[in-house]
Amino acid sequence: MVLTLKKRIYTAEATVTGGRQGHGRTSDGVLDLDVRLPIAMGGKGGGANPEQLFAVGYGACFQTAVGEAGRRLGLDASRSSVTSRVSIGPTEGRYVRPCRRTCGFNSRSRSRHCNDSRAGSA
């Protein structure tokens, strides 16, 4: 099912040159960083990699949803946290990025695995 936005509220834009051994910059200049292949994938490290950036963005969005759900249920989610883990690896001749999130609520932690794998090239 394809969803269509009723109204586009915000669009982020970034330009990357050089892929996983390159440089990325958002159009507003807030992010301006080197992109590097992780050591675990045969690179030298020394910069952010797409999986790290995805984990931060995914965690931030999910944390906002946790806060809103808590508010609607009359629960205090102000001390909650979300830890995101994004992996990359081959399967059936292509690379996928499965993700995992762990939510902590006032010293209780619950783990949820999302089956949100995205196929793509590394």
PDB file of N, CA and C in Angstrom:
ATOM      1  N   MET A   1       0.843  -1.175   0.000  1.00  0.00           N
ATOM      2  CA  MET A   1       0.000   0.000   0.000  1.00  0.00           C
ATOM      3  C   MET A   1       0.891   1.243   0.000  1.00  0.00           C
ATOM      4  N   VAL A   2       0.630   2.154  -0.883  1.00  0.00           N
ATOM      5  CA  VAL A   2       1.374   3.395  -0.980  1.00  0.00           C
ATOM      6  C   VAL A   2       0.572   4.507  -0.324  1.00  0.00           C
ATOM      7  N   LEU A   3       1.208   5.218   0.602  1.00  0.00           N
ATOM      8  CA  LEU A   3       0.555   6.347   1.258  1.00  0.00           C
ATOM      9  C   LEU A   3       0.991   7.642   0.594  1.00  0.00           C
ATOM     10  N   THR A   4       0.076   8.551   0.419  1.00  0.00           N
ATOM     11  CA  THR A   4       0.371   9.847  -0.164  1.00  0.00           C
ATOM     12  C   THR A   4       0.200  10.918   0.900  1.00  0.00           C
ATOM     13  N   LEU A   5       1.187  11.788   1.014  1.00  0.00           N
ATOM     14  CA  LEU A   5       1.099  12.875   1.980  1.00  0.00           C
ATOM     15  C   LEU A   5      -0.004  13.841   1.585  1.00  0.00           C
ATOM     16  N   LYS A   6      -0.807  14.251   2.560  1.00  0.00           N
ATOM     17  CA  LYS A   6      -1.807  15.273   2.310  1.00  0.00           C
ATOM     18  C   LYS A   6      -1.155  16.643   2.222  1.00  0.00           C
ATOM     19  N   LYS A   7      -0.097  16.809   3.014  1.00  0.00           N
ATOM     20  CA  LYS A   7       0.626  18.077   3.037  1.00  0.00           C
ATOM     21  C   LYS A   7       2.069  17.779   3.410  1.00  0.00           C
ATOM     22  N   ARG A   8       2.990  18.304   2.657  1.00  0.00           N
ATOM     23  CA  ARG A   8       4.409  18.128   2.958  1.00  0.00           C
ATOM     24  C   ARG A   8       4.807  19.203   3.961  1.00  0.00           C
ATOM     25  N   ILE A   9       5.104  18.793   5.197  1.00  0.00           N
ATOM     26  CA  ILE A   9       5.441  19.736   6.263  1.00  0.00           C
ATOM     27  C   ILE A   9       6.929  20.092   6.245  1.00  0.00           C
ATOM     28  N   TYR A  10       7.757  19.108   5.974  1.00  0.00           N
ATOM     29  CA  TYR A  10       9.204  19.329   6.011  1.00  0.00           C
ATOM     30  C   TYR A  10       9.875  18.327   5.101  1.00  0.00           C
ATOM     31  N   THR A  11      10.911  18.754   4.417  1.00  0.00           N
ATOM     32  CA  THR A  11      11.732  17.871   3.601  1.00  0.00           C
ATOM     33  C   THR A  11      13.189  18.130   3.939  1.00  0.00           C
ATOM     34  N   ALA A  12      13.889  17.087   4.336  1.00  0.00           N
ATOM     35  CA  ALA A  12      15.331  17.192   4.565  1.00  0.00           C
ATOM     36  C   ALA A  12      16.035  16.920   3.249  1.00  0.00           C
ATOM     37  N   GLU A  13      17.116  17.632   3.023  1.00  0.00           N
ATOM     38  CA  GLU A  13      17.877  17.446   1.795  1.00  0.00           C
ATOM     39  C   GLU A  13      19.353  17.354   2.136  1.00  0.00           C
ATOM     40  N   ALA A  14      20.020  16.364   1.570  1.00  0.00           N
ATOM     41  CA  ALA A  14      21.458  16.199   1.777  1.00  0.00           C
ATOM     42  C   ALA A  14      22.104  15.778   0.472  1.00  0.00           C
ATOM     43  N   THR A  15      23.326  16.199   0.293  1.00  0.00           N
ATOM     44  CA  THR A  15      24.102  15.823  -0.877  1.00  0.00           C
ATOM     45  C   THR A  15      25.338  15.067  -0.407  1.00  0.00           C
ATOM     46  N   VAL A  16      25.572  13.908  -1.014  1.00  0.00           N
ATOM     47  CA  VAL A  16      26.726  13.086  -0.674  1.00  0.00           C
ATOM     48  C   VAL A  16      27.547  12.889  -1.935  1.00  0.00           C
ATOM     49  N   THR A  17      28.844  13.036  -1.796  1.00  0.00           N
ATOM     50  CA  THR A  17      29.777  12.733  -2.886  1.00  0.00           C
ATOM     51  C   THR A  17      30.732  11.661  -2.380  1.00  0.00           C
ATOM     52  N   GLY A  18      31.050  10.701  -3.215  1.00  0.00           N
ATOM     53  CA  GLY A  18      32.022   9.684  -2.844  1.00  0.00           C
ATOM     54  C   GLY A  18      31.459   8.493  -2.089  1.00  0.00           C
ATOM     55  N   GLY A  19      30.139   8.417  -1.909  1.00  0.00           N
ATOM     56  CA  GLY A  19      29.526   7.253  -1.260  1.00  0.00           C
ATOM     57  C   GLY A  19      30.040   7.014   0.146  1.00  0.00           C
ATOM     58  N   ARG A  20      30.365   5.769   0.446  1.00  0.00           N
ATOM     59  CA  ARG A  20      30.812   5.389   1.787  1.00  0.00           C
ATOM     60  C   ARG A  20      32.239   5.842   2.092  1.00  0.00           C
ATOM     61  N   GLN A  21      32.914   6.397   1.156  1.00  0.00           N
ATOM     62  CA  GLN A  21      34.256   6.955   1.366  1.00  0.00           C
ATOM     63  C   GLN A  21      34.237   8.419   0.948  1.00  0.00           C
ATOM     64  N   GLY A  22      33.153   9.113   1.257  1.00  0.00           N
ATOM     65  CA  GLY A  22      32.983  10.463   0.754  1.00  0.00           C
ATOM     66  C   GLY A  22      32.652  11.483   1.817  1.00  0.00           C
ATOM     67  N   HIS A  23      31.804  12.410   1.434  1.00  0.00           N
ATOM     68  CA  HIS A  23      31.426  13.516   2.304  1.00  0.00           C
ATOM     69  C   HIS A  23      29.945  13.810   2.097  1.00  0.00           C
ATOM     70  N   GLY A  24      29.264  14.131   3.195  1.00  0.00           N
ATOM     71  CA  GLY A  24      27.850  14.466   3.119  1.00  0.00           C
ATOM     72  C   GLY A  24      27.570  15.784   3.814  1.00  0.00           C
ATOM     73  N   ARG A  25      26.614  16.517   3.262  1.00  0.00           N
ATOM     74  CA  ARG A  25      26.248  17.810   3.835  1.00  0.00           C
ATOM     75  C   ARG A  25      24.764  18.055   3.596  1.00  0.00           C
ATOM     76  N   THR A  26      24.067  18.477   4.657  1.00  0.00           N
ATOM     77  CA  THR A  26      22.668  18.849   4.492  1.00  0.00           C
ATOM     78  C   THR A  26      22.600  20.245   3.888  1.00  0.00           C
ATOM     79  N   SER A  27      21.484  20.532   3.231  1.00  0.00           N
ATOM     80  CA  SER A  27      21.348  21.820   2.543  1.00  0.00           C
ATOM     81  C   SER A  27      21.401  22.995   3.507  1.00  0.00           C
ATOM     82  N   ASP A  28      21.042  22.783   4.779  1.00  0.00           N
ATOM     83  CA  ASP A  28      21.116  23.876   5.758  1.00  0.00           C
ATOM     84  C   ASP A  28      22.460  23.923   6.477  1.00  0.00           C
ATOM     85  N   GLY A  29      23.361  22.977   6.186  1.00  0.00           N
ATOM     86  CA  GLY A  29      24.691  22.970   6.774  1.00  0.00           C
ATOM     87  C   GLY A  29      24.769  22.428   8.195  1.00  0.00           C
ATOM     88  N   VAL A  30      23.650  21.994   8.775  1.00  0.00           N
ATOM     89  CA  VAL A  30      23.675  21.472  10.143  1.00  0.00           C
ATOM     90  C   VAL A  30      24.539  20.216  10.215  1.00  0.00           C
ATOM     91  N   LEU A  31      24.401  19.331   9.246  1.00  0.00           N
ATOM     92  CA  LEU A  31      25.289  18.172   9.145  1.00  0.00           C
ATOM     93  C   LEU A  31      26.259  18.416   8.001  1.00  0.00           C
ATOM     94  N   ASP A  32      27.524  18.269   8.289  1.00  0.00           N
ATOM     95  CA  ASP A  32      28.583  18.443   7.305  1.00  0.00           C
ATOM     96  C   ASP A  32      29.699  17.506   7.740  1.00  0.00           C
ATOM     97  N   LEU A  33      29.711  16.280   7.180  1.00  0.00           N
ATOM     98  CA  LEU A  33      30.603  15.277   7.754  1.00  0.00           C
ATOM     99  C   LEU A  33      31.160  14.313   6.722  1.00  0.00           C
ATOM    100  N   ASP A  34      32.274  13.694   7.112  1.00  0.00           N
ATOM    101  CA  ASP A  34      32.867  12.647   6.298  1.00  0.00           C
ATOM    102  C   ASP A  34      32.090  11.362   6.515  1.00  0.00           C
ATOM    103  N   VAL A  35      31.883  10.639   5.431  1.00  0.00           N
ATOM    104  CA  VAL A  35      31.226   9.344   5.480  1.00  0.00           C
ATOM    105  C   VAL A  35      32.299   8.303   5.190  1.00  0.00           C
ATOM    106  N   ARG A  36      32.384   7.304   6.064  1.00  0.00           N
ATOM    107  CA  ARG A  36      33.426   6.295   5.916  1.00  0.00           C
ATOM    108  C   ARG A  36      32.863   4.896   6.099  1.00  0.00           C
ATOM    109  N   LEU A  37      33.448   3.971   5.386  1.00  0.00           N
ATOM    110  CA  LEU A  37      33.128   2.562   5.528  1.00  0.00           C
ATOM    111  C   LEU A  37      33.618   2.110   6.900  1.00  0.00           C
ATOM    112  N   PRO A  38      32.771   1.421   7.688  1.00  0.00           N
ATOM    113  CA  PRO A  38      33.210   0.971   9.009  1.00  0.00           C
ATOM    114  C   PRO A  38      34.346  -0.052   8.920  1.00  0.00           C
ATOM    115  N   ILE A  39      35.141  -0.113   9.964  1.00  0.00           N
ATOM    116  CA  ILE A  39      36.247  -1.066  10.027  1.00  0.00           C
ATOM    117  C   ILE A  39      35.742  -2.491   9.830  1.00  0.00           C
ATOM    118  N   ALA A  40      34.578  -2.799  10.406  1.00  0.00           N
ATOM    119  CA  ALA A  40      34.011  -4.147  10.300  1.00  0.00           C
ATOM    120  C   ALA A  40      33.697  -4.547   8.865  1.00  0.00           C
ATOM    121  N   MET A  41      33.611  -3.561   7.974  1.00  0.00           N
ATOM    122  CA  MET A  41      33.329  -3.849   6.568  1.00  0.00           C
ATOM    123  C   MET A  41      34.570  -3.658   5.697  1.00  0.00           C
ATOM    124  N   GLY A  42      35.739  -3.587   6.348  1.00  0.00           N
ATOM    125  CA  GLY A  42      36.987  -3.471   5.611  1.00  0.00           C
ATOM    126  C   GLY A  42      37.469  -2.043   5.409  1.00  0.00           C
ATOM    127  N   GLY A  43      36.750  -1.070   5.978  1.00  0.00           N
ATOM    128  CA  GLY A  43      37.170   0.322   5.853  1.00  0.00           C
ATOM    129  C   GLY A  43      38.128   0.727   6.958  1.00  0.00           C
ATOM    130  N   LYS A  44      38.520   1.993   6.933  1.00  0.00           N
ATOM    131  CA  LYS A  44      39.438   2.516   7.943  1.00  0.00           C
ATOM    132  C   LYS A  44      38.709   3.261   9.055  1.00  0.00           C
ATOM    133  N   GLY A  45      37.376   3.396   8.940  1.00  0.00           N
ATOM    134  CA  GLY A  45      36.636   4.157   9.935  1.00  0.00           C
ATOM    135  C   GLY A  45      36.986   5.635   9.803  1.00  0.00           C
ATOM    136  N   GLY A  46      36.854   6.376  10.892  1.00  0.00           N
ATOM    137  CA  GLY A  46      37.253   7.782  10.872  1.00  0.00           C
ATOM    138  C   GLY A  46      36.163   8.735  10.420  1.00  0.00           C
ATOM    139  N   GLY A  47      34.966   8.263  10.292  1.00  0.00           N
ATOM    140  CA  GLY A  47      33.845   9.115   9.906  1.00  0.00           C
ATOM    141  C   GLY A  47      32.558   8.385  10.210  1.00  0.00           C
ATOM    142  N   ALA A  48      31.452   9.057  10.043  1.00  0.00           N
ATOM    143  CA  ALA A  48      30.143   8.438  10.262  1.00  0.00           C
ATOM    144  C   ALA A  48      29.834   7.489   9.109  1.00  0.00           C
ATOM    145  N   ASN A  49      29.013   6.485   9.376  1.00  0.00           N
ATOM    146  CA  ASN A  49      28.569   5.615   8.296  1.00  0.00           C
ATOM    147  C   ASN A  49      27.047   5.672   8.231  1.00  0.00           C
ATOM    148  N   PRO A  50      26.458   5.290   7.107  1.00  0.00           N
ATOM    149  CA  PRO A  50      25.008   5.405   6.944  1.00  0.00           C
ATOM    150  C   PRO A  50      24.198   4.675   8.014  1.00  0.00           C
ATOM    151  N   GLU A  51      24.697   3.548   8.505  1.00  0.00           N
ATOM    152  CA  GLU A  51      23.954   2.810   9.527  1.00  0.00           C
ATOM    153  C   GLU A  51      23.887   3.615  10.832  1.00  0.00           C
ATOM    154  N   GLN A  52      24.963   4.300  11.193  1.00  0.00           N
ATOM    155  CA  GLN A  52      24.943   5.151  12.385  1.00  0.00           C
ATOM    156  C   GLN A  52      23.939   6.288  12.224  1.00  0.00           C
ATOM    157  N   LEU A  53      23.953   6.920  11.076  1.00  0.00           N
ATOM    158  CA  LEU A  53      23.040   8.038  10.832  1.00  0.00           C
ATOM    159  C   LEU A  53      21.585   7.565  10.849  1.00  0.00           C
ATOM    160  N   PHE A  54      21.333   6.392  10.264  1.00  0.00           N
ATOM    161  CA  PHE A  54      19.983   5.842  10.268  1.00  0.00           C
ATOM    162  C   PHE A  54      19.543   5.517  11.694  1.00  0.00           C
ATOM    163  N   ALA A  55      20.448   4.946  12.505  1.00  0.00           N
ATOM    164  CA  ALA A  55      20.110   4.596  13.890  1.00  0.00           C
ATOM    165  C   ALA A  55      19.730   5.839  14.692  1.00  0.00           C
ATOM    166  N   VAL A  56      20.437   6.934  14.507  1.00  0.00           N
ATOM    167  CA  VAL A  56      20.110   8.173  15.223  1.00  0.00           C
ATOM    168  C   VAL A  56      18.746   8.701  14.774  1.00  0.00           C
ATOM    169  N   GLY A  57      18.506   8.761  13.480  1.00  0.00           N
ATOM    170  CA  GLY A  57      17.233   9.261  12.972  1.00  0.00           C
ATOM    171  C   GLY A  57      16.063   8.385  13.372  1.00  0.00           C
ATOM    172  N   TYR A  58      16.232   7.084  13.267  1.00  0.00           N
ATOM    173  CA  TYR A  58      15.179   6.135  13.630  1.00  0.00           C
ATOM    174  C   TYR A  58      14.857   6.255  15.116  1.00  0.00           C
ATOM    175  N   GLY A  59      15.894   6.315  15.942  1.00  0.00           N
ATOM    176  CA  GLY A  59      15.700   6.448  17.385  1.00  0.00           C
ATOM    177  C   GLY A  59      15.005   7.737  17.767  1.00  0.00           C
ATOM    178  N   ALA A  60      15.386   8.829  17.139  1.00  0.00           N
ATOM    179  CA  ALA A  60      14.766  10.124  17.438  1.00  0.00           C
ATOM    180  C   ALA A  60      13.283  10.122  17.080  1.00  0.00           C
ATOM    181  N   CYS A  61      12.947   9.574  15.930  1.00  0.00           N
ATOM    182  CA  CYS A  61      11.533   9.514  15.526  1.00  0.00           C
ATOM    183  C   CYS A  61      10.729   8.621  16.452  1.00  0.00           C
ATOM    184  N   PHE A  62      11.292   7.465  16.801  1.00  0.00           N
ATOM    185  CA  PHE A  62      10.563   6.554  17.671  1.00  0.00           C
ATOM    186  C   PHE A  62      10.423   7.135  19.074  1.00  0.00           C
ATOM    187  N   GLN A  63      11.454   7.839  19.560  1.00  0.00           N
ATOM    188  CA  GLN A  63      11.377   8.472  20.878  1.00  0.00           C
ATOM    189  C   GLN A  63      10.248   9.493  20.927  1.00  0.00           C
ATOM    190  N   THR A  64      10.068  10.236  19.864  1.00  0.00           N
ATOM    191  CA  THR A  64       8.965  11.196  19.784  1.00  0.00           C
ATOM    192  C   THR A  64       7.626  10.469  19.867  1.00  0.00           C
ATOM    193  N   ALA A  65       7.510   9.342  19.176  1.00  0.00           N
ATOM    194  CA  ALA A  65       6.270   8.557  19.218  1.00  0.00           C
ATOM    195  C   ALA A  65       6.015   8.004  20.618  1.00  0.00           C
ATOM    196  N   VAL A  66       7.065   7.572  21.308  1.00  0.00           N
ATOM    197  CA  VAL A  66       6.918   7.070  22.676  1.00  0.00           C
ATOM    198  C   VAL A  66       6.378   8.172  23.586  1.00  0.00           C
ATOM    199  N   GLY A  67       6.935   9.373  23.469  1.00  0.00           N
ATOM    200  CA  GLY A  67       6.469  10.495  24.275  1.00  0.00           C
ATOM    201  C   GLY A  67       5.021  10.845  24.008  1.00  0.00           C
ATOM    202  N   GLU A  68       4.647  10.834  22.742  1.00  0.00           N
ATOM    203  CA  GLU A  68       3.258  11.146  22.375  1.00  0.00           C
ATOM    204  C   GLU A  68       2.303  10.062  22.861  1.00  0.00           C
ATOM    205  N   ALA A  69       2.691   8.809  22.741  1.00  0.00           N
ATOM    206  CA  ALA A  69       1.844   7.712  23.233  1.00  0.00           C
ATOM    207  C   ALA A  69       1.678   7.815  24.747  1.00  0.00           C
ATOM    208  N   GLY A  70       2.775   8.109  25.443  1.00  0.00           N
ATOM    209  CA  GLY A  70       2.686   8.281  26.887  1.00  0.00           C
ATOM    210  C   GLY A  70       1.750   9.408  27.270  1.00  0.00           C
ATOM    211  N   ARG A  71       1.860  10.525  26.568  1.00  0.00           N
ATOM    212  CA  ARG A  71       0.997  11.670  26.839  1.00  0.00           C
ATOM    213  C   ARG A  71      -0.472  11.296  26.653  1.00  0.00           C
ATOM    214  N   ARG A  72      -0.771  10.610  25.560  1.00  0.00           N
ATOM    215  CA  ARG A  72      -2.163  10.223  25.282  1.00  0.00           C
ATOM    216  C   ARG A  72      -2.716   9.233  26.300  1.00  0.00           C
ATOM    217  N   LEU A  73      -1.834   8.417  26.868  1.00  0.00           N
ATOM    218  CA  LEU A  73      -2.256   7.423  27.856  1.00  0.00           C
ATOM    219  C   LEU A  73      -2.155   7.947  29.289  1.00  0.00           C
ATOM    220  N   GLY A  74      -1.717   9.188  29.432  1.00  0.00           N
ATOM    221  CA  GLY A  74      -1.568   9.771  30.760  1.00  0.00           C
ATOM    222  C   GLY A  74      -0.374   9.222  31.519  1.00  0.00           C
ATOM    223  N   LEU A  75       0.644   8.754  30.795  1.00  0.00           N
ATOM    224  CA  LEU A  75       1.847   8.191  31.404  1.00  0.00           C
ATOM    225  C   LEU A  75       3.018   9.154  31.240  1.00  0.00           C
ATOM    226  N   ASP A  76       3.900   9.153  32.208  1.00  0.00           N
ATOM    227  CA  ASP A  76       5.089   9.999  32.145  1.00  0.00           C
ATOM    228  C   ASP A  76       6.193   9.252  31.402  1.00  0.00           C
ATOM    229  N   ALA A  77       6.474   9.671  30.193  1.00  0.00           N
ATOM    230  CA  ALA A  77       7.531   9.048  29.397  1.00  0.00           C
ATOM    231  C   ALA A  77       8.752   9.951  29.303  1.00  0.00           C
ATOM    232  N   SER A  78       8.824  10.971  30.154  1.00  0.00           N
ATOM    233  CA  SER A  78       9.903  11.957  30.060  1.00  0.00           C
ATOM    234  C   SER A  78      11.279  11.359  30.345  1.00  0.00           C
ATOM    235  N   ARG A  79      11.338  10.264  31.075  1.00  0.00           N
ATOM    236  CA  ARG A  79      12.625   9.635  31.365  1.00  0.00           C
ATOM    237  C   ARG A  79      12.853   8.386  30.520  1.00  0.00           C
ATOM    238  N   SER A  80      12.062   8.201  29.499  1.00  0.00           N
ATOM    239  CA  SER A  80      12.220   7.033  28.636  1.00  0.00           C
ATOM    240  C   SER A  80      13.408   7.241  27.709  1.00  0.00           C
ATOM    241  N   SER A  81      13.885   6.155  27.152  1.00  0.00           N
ATOM    242  CA  SER A  81      14.978   6.233  26.189  1.00  0.00           C
ATOM    243  C   SER A  81      14.759   5.194  25.101  1.00  0.00           C
ATOM    244  N   VAL A  82      15.345   5.441  23.963  1.00  0.00           N
ATOM    245  CA  VAL A  82      15.289   4.503  22.849  1.00  0.00           C
ATOM    246  C   VAL A  82      16.709   4.287  22.365  1.00  0.00           C
ATOM    247  N   THR A  83      17.113   3.046  22.284  1.00  0.00           N
ATOM    248  CA  THR A  83      18.408   2.694  21.711  1.00  0.00           C
ATOM    249  C   THR A  83      18.130   1.974  20.398  1.00  0.00           C
ATOM    250  N   SER A  84      18.712   2.453  19.321  1.00  0.00           N
ATOM    251  CA  SER A  84      18.501   1.853  18.004  1.00  0.00           C
ATOM    252  C   SER A  84      19.772   1.147  17.553  1.00  0.00           C
ATOM    253  N   ARG A  85      19.595  -0.004  16.970  1.00  0.00           N
ATOM    254  CA  ARG A  85      20.717  -0.745  16.394  1.00  0.00           C
ATOM    255  C   ARG A  85      20.362  -1.046  14.938  1.00  0.00           C
ATOM    256  N   VAL A  86      21.203  -0.624  14.042  1.00  0.00           N
ATOM    257  CA  VAL A  86      20.990  -0.869  12.618  1.00  0.00           C
ATOM    258  C   VAL A  86      22.169  -1.681  12.118  1.00  0.00           C
ATOM    259  N   SER A  87      21.883  -2.810  11.533  1.00  0.00           N
ATOM    260  CA  SER A  87      22.919  -3.708  11.028  1.00  0.00           C
ATOM    261  C   SER A  87      22.888  -3.702   9.513  1.00  0.00           C
ATOM    262  N   ILE A  88      23.924  -4.251   8.921  1.00  0.00           N
ATOM    263  CA  ILE A  88      23.929  -4.447   7.472  1.00  0.00           C
ATOM    264  C   ILE A  88      24.592  -5.788   7.196  1.00  0.00           C
ATOM    265  N   GLY A  89      24.046  -6.512   6.252  1.00  0.00           N
ATOM    266  CA  GLY A  89      24.625  -7.794   5.891  1.00  0.00           C
ATOM    267  C   GLY A  89      23.940  -8.363   4.671  1.00  0.00           C
ATOM    268  N   PRO A  90      24.588  -9.330   4.046  1.00  0.00           N
ATOM    269  CA  PRO A  90      24.027  -9.913   2.820  1.00  0.00           C
ATOM    270  C   PRO A  90      22.959 -10.957   3.121  1.00  0.00           C
ATOM    271  N   THR A  91      22.008 -11.022   2.232  1.00  0.00           N
ATOM    272  CA  THR A  91      21.002 -12.079   2.238  1.00  0.00           C
ATOM    273  C   THR A  91      20.467 -12.227   0.822  1.00  0.00           C
ATOM    274  N   GLU A  92      20.429 -13.412   0.347  1.00  0.00           N
ATOM    275  CA  GLU A  92      19.880 -13.705  -0.977  1.00  0.00           C
ATOM    276  C   GLU A  92      20.434 -12.785  -2.065  1.00  0.00           C
ATOM    277  N   GLY A  93      21.742 -12.553  -2.038  1.00  0.00           N
ATOM    278  CA  GLY A  93      22.382 -11.794  -3.088  1.00  0.00           C
ATOM    279  C   GLY A  93      22.243 -10.289  -3.007  1.00  0.00           C
ATOM    280  N   ARG A  94      21.739  -9.761  -1.908  1.00  0.00           N
ATOM    281  CA  ARG A  94      21.615  -8.317  -1.747  1.00  0.00           C
ATOM    282  C   ARG A  94      21.894  -7.962  -0.291  1.00  0.00           C
ATOM    283  N   TYR A  95      22.118  -6.708  -0.047  1.00  0.00           N
ATOM    284  CA  TYR A  95      22.352  -6.255   1.321  1.00  0.00           C
ATOM    285  C   TYR A  95      21.055  -5.715   1.908  1.00  0.00           C
ATOM    286  N   VAL A  96      20.825  -6.002   3.182  1.00  0.00           N
ATOM    287  CA  VAL A  96      19.654  -5.468   3.885  1.00  0.00           C
ATOM    288  C   VAL A  96      20.110  -4.815   5.183  1.00  0.00           C
ATOM    289  N   ARG A  97      19.254  -3.937   5.697  1.00  0.00           N
ATOM    290  CA  ARG A  97      19.522  -3.236   6.942  1.00  0.00           C
ATOM    291  C   ARG A  97      18.404  -3.503   7.947  1.00  0.00           C
ATOM    292  N   PRO A  98      18.458  -4.644   8.646  1.00  0.00           N
ATOM    293  CA  PRO A  98      17.454  -4.858   9.694  1.00  0.00           C
ATOM    294  C   PRO A  98      17.734  -3.922  10.867  1.00  0.00           C
ATOM    295  N   CYS A  99      16.703  -3.507  11.550  1.00  0.00           N
ATOM    296  CA  CYS A  99      16.901  -2.610  12.686  1.00  0.00           C
ATOM    297  C   CYS A  99      16.251  -3.194  13.927  1.00  0.00           C
ATOM    298  N   ARG A 100      16.735  -2.739  15.062  1.00  0.00           N
ATOM    299  CA  ARG A 100      16.243  -3.212  16.346  1.00  0.00           C
ATOM    300  C   ARG A 100      16.176  -2.012  17.267  1.00  0.00           C
ATOM    301  N   ARG A 101      15.127  -1.939  18.074  1.00  0.00           N
ATOM    302  CA  ARG A 101      15.039  -0.832  19.016  1.00  0.00           C
ATOM    303  C   ARG A 101      14.773  -1.378  20.414  1.00  0.00           C
ATOM    304  N   THR A 102      15.369  -0.738  21.386  1.00  0.00           N
ATOM    305  CA  THR A 102      15.158  -1.080  22.781  1.00  0.00           C
ATOM    306  C   THR A 102      14.646   0.164  23.471  1.00  0.00           C
ATOM    307  N   CYS A 103      13.539   0.042  24.161  1.00  0.00           N
ATOM    308  CA  CYS A 103      12.937   1.176  24.857  1.00  0.00           C
ATOM    309  C   CYS A 103      13.066   0.975  26.353  1.00  0.00           C
ATOM    310  N   GLY A 104      13.488   2.000  27.048  1.00  0.00           N
ATOM    311  CA  GLY A 104      13.579   1.951  28.493  1.00  0.00           C
ATOM    312  C   GLY A 104      12.598   2.931  29.114  1.00  0.00           C
ATOM    313  N   PHE A 105      11.823   2.460  30.073  1.00  0.00           N
ATOM    314  CA  PHE A 105      10.846   3.299  30.758  1.00  0.00           C
ATOM    315  C   PHE A 105      11.118   3.241  32.251  1.00  0.00           C
ATOM    316  N   ASN A 106      11.631   4.330  32.791  1.00  0.00           N
ATOM    317  CA  ASN A 106      11.855   4.420  34.235  1.00  0.00           C
ATOM    318  C   ASN A 106      12.526   3.165  34.783  1.00  0.00           C
ATOM    319  N   SER A 107      13.665   2.841  34.231  1.00  0.00           N
ATOM    320  CA  SER A 107      14.537   1.725  34.613  1.00  0.00           C
ATOM    321  C   SER A 107      14.019   0.353  34.185  1.00  0.00           C
ATOM    322  N   ARG A 108      12.891   0.279  33.505  1.00  0.00           N
ATOM    323  CA  ARG A 108      12.448  -0.977  32.903  1.00  0.00           C
ATOM    324  C   ARG A 108      12.818  -0.923  31.434  1.00  0.00           C
ATOM    325  N   SER A 109      13.271  -2.002  30.904  1.00  0.00           N
ATOM    326  CA  SER A 109      13.682  -2.007  29.511  1.00  0.00           C
ATOM    327  C   SER A 109      12.922  -3.087  28.754  1.00  0.00           C
ATOM    328  N   ARG A 110      12.431  -2.725  27.610  1.00  0.00           N
ATOM    329  CA  ARG A 110      11.739  -3.683  26.744  1.00  0.00           C
ATOM    330  C   ARG A 110      12.359  -3.601  25.370  1.00  0.00           C
ATOM    331  N   SER A 111      12.600  -4.725  24.797  1.00  0.00           N
ATOM    332  CA  SER A 111      13.213  -4.774  23.482  1.00  0.00           C
ATOM    333  C   SER A 111      12.162  -5.129  22.448  1.00  0.00           C
ATOM    334  N   ARG A 112      12.227  -4.474  21.331  1.00  0.00           N
ATOM    335  CA  ARG A 112      11.316  -4.775  20.231  1.00  0.00           C
ATOM    336  C   ARG A 112      12.146  -4.840  18.968  1.00  0.00           C
ATOM    337  N   HIS A 113      11.998  -5.918  18.251  1.00  0.00           N
ATOM    338  CA  HIS A 113      12.680  -6.074  16.973  1.00  0.00           C
ATOM    339  C   HIS A 113      11.712  -5.657  15.880  1.00  0.00           C
ATOM    340  N   CYS A 114      12.159  -4.793  15.022  1.00  0.00           N
ATOM    341  CA  CYS A 114      11.278  -4.436  13.911  1.00  0.00           C
ATOM    342  C   CYS A 114      11.775  -5.138  12.666  1.00  0.00           C
ATOM    343  N   ASN A 115      10.882  -5.617  11.904  1.00  0.00           N
ATOM    344  CA  ASN A 115      11.213  -6.313  10.677  1.00  0.00           C
ATOM    345  C   ASN A 115      11.120  -5.300   9.536  1.00  0.00           C
ATOM    346  N   ASP A 116      11.928  -4.269   9.651  1.00  0.00           N
ATOM    347  CA  ASP A 116      11.882  -3.170   8.695  1.00  0.00           C
ATOM    348  C   ASP A 116      13.147  -3.167   7.858  1.00  0.00           C
ATOM    349  N   SER A 117      13.465  -4.318   7.285  1.00  0.00           N
ATOM    350  CA  SER A 117      14.660  -4.430   6.477  1.00  0.00           C
ATOM    351  C   SER A 117      14.466  -3.728   5.147  1.00  0.00           C
ATOM    352  N   ARG A 118      15.447  -2.995   4.760  1.00  0.00           N
ATOM    353  CA  ARG A 118      15.417  -2.296   3.487  1.00  0.00           C
ATOM    354  C   ARG A 118      16.536  -2.852   2.610  1.00  0.00           C
ATOM    355  N   ALA A 119      16.164  -3.339   1.462  1.00  0.00           N
ATOM    356  CA  ALA A 119      17.165  -3.860   0.546  1.00  0.00           C
ATOM    357  C   ALA A 119      17.847  -2.702  -0.144  1.00  0.00           C
ATOM    358  N   GLY A 120      19.113  -2.859  -0.387  1.00  0.00           N
ATOM    359  CA  GLY A 120      19.847  -1.821  -1.084  1.00  0.00           C
ATOM    360  C   GLY A 120      21.287  -2.242  -1.226  1.00  0.00           C
ATOM    361  N   SER A 121      22.035  -1.460  -1.927  1.00  0.00           N
ATOM    362  CA  SER A 121      23.443  -1.777  -2.088  1.00  0.00           C
ATOM    363  C   SER A 121      24.234  -1.069  -1.011  1.00  0.00           C
ATOM    364  N   ALA A 122      25.321  -1.670  -0.622  1.00  0.00           N
ATOM    365  CA  ALA A 122      26.132  -1.101   0.464  1.00  0.00           C
ATOM    366  C   ALA A 122      27.075  -0.085  -0.056  1.00  0.00           C
TER     367      ALA A 122
END
